[in-house]
Every structure is written in structure tokens, then in C-alpha cells.
Amino acid sequence: MSVKPKVLVIGYDPDTAYMFKQQGWDLATSKEEPDLVCFTGGEDVNPKLYNEEEHYSSYVNEERDALEQKVFEKYERYPKVGICRGGQLLNVLSGGEMWQNVNKHGLAGTHTMVDLITGEMIEVTSTHHQMMIPHKDCEVLAIAWEANKFEAGHPNTNRESPPHDTEVVWYRSTNSLCFQPHPEYDYAPEDCTNYFFGLIQTFWNLKGVTKKEVEAA
């Protein structure tokens, strides 16, 4: 019989859990060995983790940061994926930094990003006000051109604004996929969700198994 891959969803996020189940995955408990660990959306990542002062617009949850940092360390060698805040956390814990305030991503809606490998244009969701600054030892997979304001935690931070928004990043060193959009939203374009799970299959060969496939095995 075929066995469905198991995902451990970190943080209470029923939308993300439901998305994985709809895609043919099983949910793992903290006592099981997951095939994939998924870090979910929420508050801003604490700027202390990348040695920067807190911007006035930032809102952090130090308790959550500490807990999820321990999870990251526990599953150091496991496949890990992060959505929005989760992707930002994986970026920071992999050596990256953050723009603490950007514009044009805060309202519910969609925009277009481009896959840098295939050139494919993908319609995605976007509801965040921070943006990943990837470490040099990573691969940027997708970008967009939405924001035109990029603010650091301190006005004297010597950092040039980028020509684009960094949307999807892959860290081979920590086995981490950082995904800024929200494929789990009920209004997320199908292409966004398909792209998300396509990357998971590309990097880790993990694909959900449908009930029909299990019964036929």
C-alpha cells in the first residue's frame, strides 16, 4: 500500500493543515517522524535574530520565536518549508536578514511573481509588510516588482534598496524553502498552490497520495 507523506505543521494554522490534507498528505504529530516540517505565517521575526534594531512598525512574539528556533534546530537536517513569516524565519535562521517594512503587500489580494529558472509568471497572494534579504549562500527562485519602499530597523543602516521583491528562496545548507506568498488562503490562485507543492516535489520528491491511489495499491 502506498504511504502518504507526513507534514508537521508548526503553530496553530488550520488553513495550512487543511491545504496539505487536500493535497494528499497526512498530518504528523510532534512524536512522529515527519517527511516535511512546515513553519506557518504570523507575527514578524524578532530583529534581534539578525542583529538589527526594531522598526516602529514591527510586531514580534519572542516566545514564538524562541520555540520555533528550537524546532528549527531539532529538525536541522529535515526538509523544511516556511510560508510568509515561516519563510522569513527560515531565511533569518539560515543567515539572511529582513527589510522590516515594505509597502504594497499589506492588503489581501494577488500579484504576479516570476520564476527565475523557467521564466513562468505566477499569480500569488501577498499579505505582509516585511521582505526577505537572502544570504549570499542561497538560491533566489522567484521575485516580484511590487514594493518601492524598503525600510530597515535603523535609519542609518547602510543598505541599498533592491530592484525587486524577493519572494522564494532555497537554502541547501539548511534544507529550507522560504515562500513569501500564501498558498493556503482560500482565495489563493491555483497556480500559487501548484507552484508551492511543485517546489516541494522538486527538492524532496515528496508528493501527496490520494485516497484512490492508496485503495488501489
Protein backbone atom coordinates (compact mmCIF):
# COMPACT_ATOMS: atom_id res chain seq x y z
CA MET A 1 0.00 0.00 0.00
CA SER A 2 1.21 3.50 -0.80
CA VAL A 3 2.03 5.66 2.20
CA LYS A 4 1.14 9.33 2.32
CA PRO A 5 3.94 11.73 3.26
CA LYS A 6 3.59 13.34 6.69
CA VAL A 7 3.92 17.06 7.37
CA LEU A 8 4.46 18.57 10.81
CA VAL A 9 2.70 21.96 10.81
CA ILE A 10 4.29 24.31 13.36
CA GLY A 11 1.87 26.70 15.03
CA TYR A 12 -1.91 26.53 15.08
CA ASP A 13 -2.86 27.08 11.46
CA PRO A 14 -5.90 25.07 10.31
CA ASP A 15 -5.77 26.57 6.81
CA THR A 16 -2.27 25.22 6.20
CA ALA A 17 -3.15 21.84 7.71
CA TYR A 18 -6.26 21.64 5.51
CA MET A 19 -4.26 22.58 2.40
CA PHE A 20 -1.82 19.72 2.94
CA LYS A 21 -4.64 17.26 3.59
CA GLN A 22 -6.36 18.39 0.40
CA GLN A 23 -3.12 17.73 -1.46
CA GLY A 24 -2.98 14.13 -0.20
CA TRP A 25 -0.74 14.50 2.85
CA ASP A 26 -1.12 13.20 6.38
CA LEU A 27 -0.51 15.41 9.41
CA ALA A 28 2.30 14.32 11.72
CA THR A 29 2.28 14.75 15.48
CA SER A 30 5.28 16.03 17.43
CA LYS A 31 6.03 12.42 18.41
CA GLU A 32 6.23 11.18 14.82
CA GLU A 33 8.99 11.41 12.22
CA PRO A 34 7.76 13.90 9.60
CA ASP A 35 8.76 13.94 5.96
CA LEU A 36 8.45 17.73 5.97
CA VAL A 37 8.29 20.45 8.64
CA CYS A 38 6.17 23.49 7.74
CA PHE A 39 6.56 26.82 9.54
CA THR A 40 3.44 29.00 9.20
CA GLY A 41 2.50 32.67 8.98
CA GLY A 42 2.03 35.19 11.79
CA GLU A 43 4.00 37.86 13.61
CA ASP A 44 7.25 39.45 12.46
CA VAL A 45 10.53 37.70 13.16
CA ASN A 46 12.39 39.34 16.04
CA PRO A 47 15.09 41.66 14.60
CA LYS A 48 17.40 40.57 17.42
CA LEU A 49 17.86 37.33 15.49
CA TYR A 50 19.63 39.25 12.72
CA ASN A 51 21.25 41.93 14.92
CA GLU A 52 19.07 44.88 13.98
CA GLU A 53 17.04 47.40 15.95
CA GLU A 54 13.27 47.00 15.87
CA HIS A 55 11.43 49.20 13.37
CA TYR A 56 8.39 51.05 14.75
CA SER A 57 6.09 49.01 12.50
CA SER A 58 7.39 45.63 13.62
CA TYR A 59 5.37 43.42 15.95
CA VAL A 60 7.11 40.39 17.38
CA ASN A 61 6.34 37.37 19.53
CA GLU A 62 9.54 36.49 21.36
CA GLU A 63 8.05 33.35 22.89
CA ARG A 64 7.09 32.02 19.46
CA ASP A 65 10.48 32.93 18.01
CA ALA A 66 12.27 31.04 20.78
CA LEU A 67 10.04 27.99 20.41
CA GLU A 68 10.35 27.83 16.63
CA GLN A 69 14.09 28.35 16.77
CA LYS A 70 14.27 25.18 18.89
CA VAL A 71 12.10 23.37 16.35
CA PHE A 72 14.44 24.52 13.58
CA GLU A 73 17.42 23.15 15.50
CA LYS A 74 15.64 19.87 16.33
CA TYR A 75 14.84 19.25 12.66
CA GLU A 76 18.12 20.65 11.37
CA ARG A 77 18.55 18.04 8.63
CA TYR A 78 14.89 17.54 7.79
CA PRO A 79 13.17 19.14 4.80
CA LYS A 80 11.69 22.44 5.98
CA VAL A 81 9.34 24.89 4.27
CA GLY A 82 8.09 28.24 5.55
CA ILE A 83 5.08 30.29 4.47
CA CYS A 84 5.22 34.10 4.90
CA ARG A 85 6.50 34.59 8.48
CA GLY A 86 7.62 30.96 8.41
CA GLY A 87 9.69 31.62 5.29
CA GLN A 88 11.11 34.77 6.82
CA LEU A 89 12.11 32.83 9.94
CA LEU A 90 13.85 30.12 7.92
CA ASN A 91 15.62 32.85 5.94
CA VAL A 92 16.90 34.52 9.10
CA LEU A 93 17.91 31.25 10.79
CA SER A 94 19.77 30.34 7.59
CA GLY A 95 21.86 33.53 7.76
CA GLY A 96 19.61 36.04 5.97
CA GLU A 97 18.17 39.34 7.16
CA MET A 98 14.93 41.30 6.68
CA TRP A 99 13.59 44.56 5.39
CA GLN A 100 11.35 45.37 8.36
CA ASN A 101 8.84 47.45 6.43
CA VAL A 102 7.89 47.39 2.75
CA ASN A 103 4.79 48.68 1.01
CA LYS A 104 2.19 47.30 -1.43
CA HIS A 105 1.97 43.86 0.16
CA GLY A 106 -0.27 44.54 3.15
CA LEU A 107 -3.74 44.16 1.65
CA ALA A 108 -5.50 40.93 0.77
CA GLY A 109 -5.17 40.37 -2.94
CA THR A 110 -2.88 38.94 -5.58
CA HIS A 111 0.11 39.97 -7.66
CA THR A 112 2.41 38.40 -10.22
CA MET A 113 5.83 36.94 -9.46
CA VAL A 114 8.28 35.33 -11.87
CA ASP A 115 10.14 32.05 -11.50
CA LEU A 116 13.77 32.90 -12.27
CA ILE A 117 14.56 29.42 -13.58
CA THR A 118 11.69 28.87 -16.00
CA GLY A 119 10.52 32.45 -16.56
CA GLU A 120 6.99 31.37 -15.63
CA MET A 121 4.68 34.15 -14.41
CA ILE A 122 2.68 33.04 -11.37
CA GLU A 123 -0.26 34.82 -9.74
CA VAL A 124 0.17 34.66 -5.96
CA THR A 125 -1.27 36.06 -2.75
CA SER A 126 0.59 38.58 -0.61
CA THR A 127 -0.23 39.94 2.85
CA HIS A 128 2.98 41.00 4.56
CA HIS A 129 4.91 44.16 5.31
CA GLN A 130 8.39 42.67 5.57
CA MET A 131 10.69 41.22 2.92
CA MET A 132 13.48 38.67 2.96
CA ILE A 133 17.08 39.72 2.40
CA PRO A 134 18.66 36.41 1.41
CA HIS A 135 22.12 35.31 2.48
CA LYS A 136 24.64 35.00 -0.34
CA ASP A 137 24.75 31.22 0.12
CA CYS A 138 21.28 30.55 -1.23
CA GLU A 139 19.34 30.42 -4.47
CA VAL A 140 16.65 33.02 -5.14
CA LEU A 141 13.93 31.18 -7.06
CA ALA A 142 11.25 33.82 -7.62
CA ILE A 143 10.87 37.61 -7.45
CA ALA A 144 8.25 40.31 -7.96
CA TRP A 145 8.17 44.07 -8.57
CA GLU A 146 5.54 45.32 -6.14
CA ALA A 147 7.24 47.32 -3.39
CA ASN A 148 9.07 50.59 -3.91
CA LYS A 149 9.76 51.35 -0.24
CA PHE A 150 12.18 49.27 1.80
CA GLU A 151 12.88 50.28 5.40
CA ALA A 152 15.44 48.85 7.81
CA GLY A 153 15.25 48.92 11.59
CA HIS A 154 17.51 51.93 11.90
CA PRO A 155 17.60 54.93 9.54
CA ASN A 156 21.39 54.80 9.42
CA THR A 157 21.52 51.20 8.23
CA ASN A 158 23.91 51.22 5.29
CA ARG A 159 21.93 49.10 2.85
CA GLU A 160 20.78 49.79 -0.68
CA SER A 161 17.18 49.13 -1.65
CA PRO A 162 16.85 46.15 -4.00
CA PRO A 163 15.49 46.39 -7.57
CA HIS A 164 12.88 43.70 -6.80
CA ASP A 165 11.00 41.86 -4.07
CA THR A 166 12.47 38.52 -3.01
CA GLU A 167 9.59 36.02 -2.94
CA VAL A 168 11.00 32.48 -2.85
CA VAL A 169 14.43 31.36 -1.60
CA TRP A 170 16.09 27.96 -1.31
CA TYR A 171 18.84 27.21 1.26
CA ARG A 172 20.60 23.94 0.53
CA SER A 173 22.75 24.39 3.65
CA THR A 174 19.76 24.16 5.99
CA ASN A 175 17.40 22.22 3.70
CA SER A 176 14.96 25.15 3.84
CA LEU A 177 12.49 26.54 1.31
CA CYS A 178 11.31 30.08 2.11
CA PHE A 179 7.99 31.02 0.46
CA GLN A 180 6.61 34.56 0.94
CA PRO A 181 3.13 34.11 -0.63
CA HIS A 182 0.18 32.32 0.98
CA PRO A 183 -0.82 29.18 -0.95
CA GLU A 184 -3.10 28.11 1.91
CA TYR A 185 -5.58 31.01 1.58
CA ASP A 186 -8.97 30.00 0.23
CA TYR A 187 -8.70 32.72 -2.44
CA ALA A 188 -5.14 31.78 -3.43
CA PRO A 189 -4.82 31.24 -7.20
CA GLU A 190 -4.48 27.58 -8.15
CA ASP A 191 -1.15 28.36 -9.81
CA CYS A 192 0.22 29.61 -6.47
CA THR A 193 -0.67 26.39 -4.65
CA ASN A 194 0.53 24.21 -7.52
CA TYR A 195 3.85 26.09 -7.65
CA PHE A 196 4.32 25.66 -3.89
CA PHE A 197 3.79 21.90 -3.99
CA GLY A 198 5.75 21.62 -7.23
CA LEU A 199 8.81 23.04 -5.46
CA ILE A 200 8.36 20.58 -2.59
CA GLN A 201 8.29 17.73 -5.07
CA THR A 202 11.29 19.12 -6.97
CA PHE A 203 13.54 19.50 -3.94
CA TRP A 204 12.47 16.49 -1.87
CA ASN A 205 10.46 14.26 -4.21
CA LEU A 206 7.52 14.48 -1.82
CA LYS A 207 4.12 14.15 -3.40
CA GLY A 208 0.75 13.62 -1.75
CA VAL A 209 -1.04 10.33 -2.24
CA THR A 210 -4.78 10.43 -2.89
CA LYS A 211 -7.29 8.15 -1.20
CA LYS A 212 -7.95 6.50 -4.56
CA GLU A 213 -4.25 5.73 -5.04
CA VAL A 214 -4.00 4.24 -1.54
CA GLU A 215 -7.02 1.99 -2.08
CA ALA A 216 -5.72 0.84 -5.46
CA ALA A 217 -2.24 -0.05 -4.17
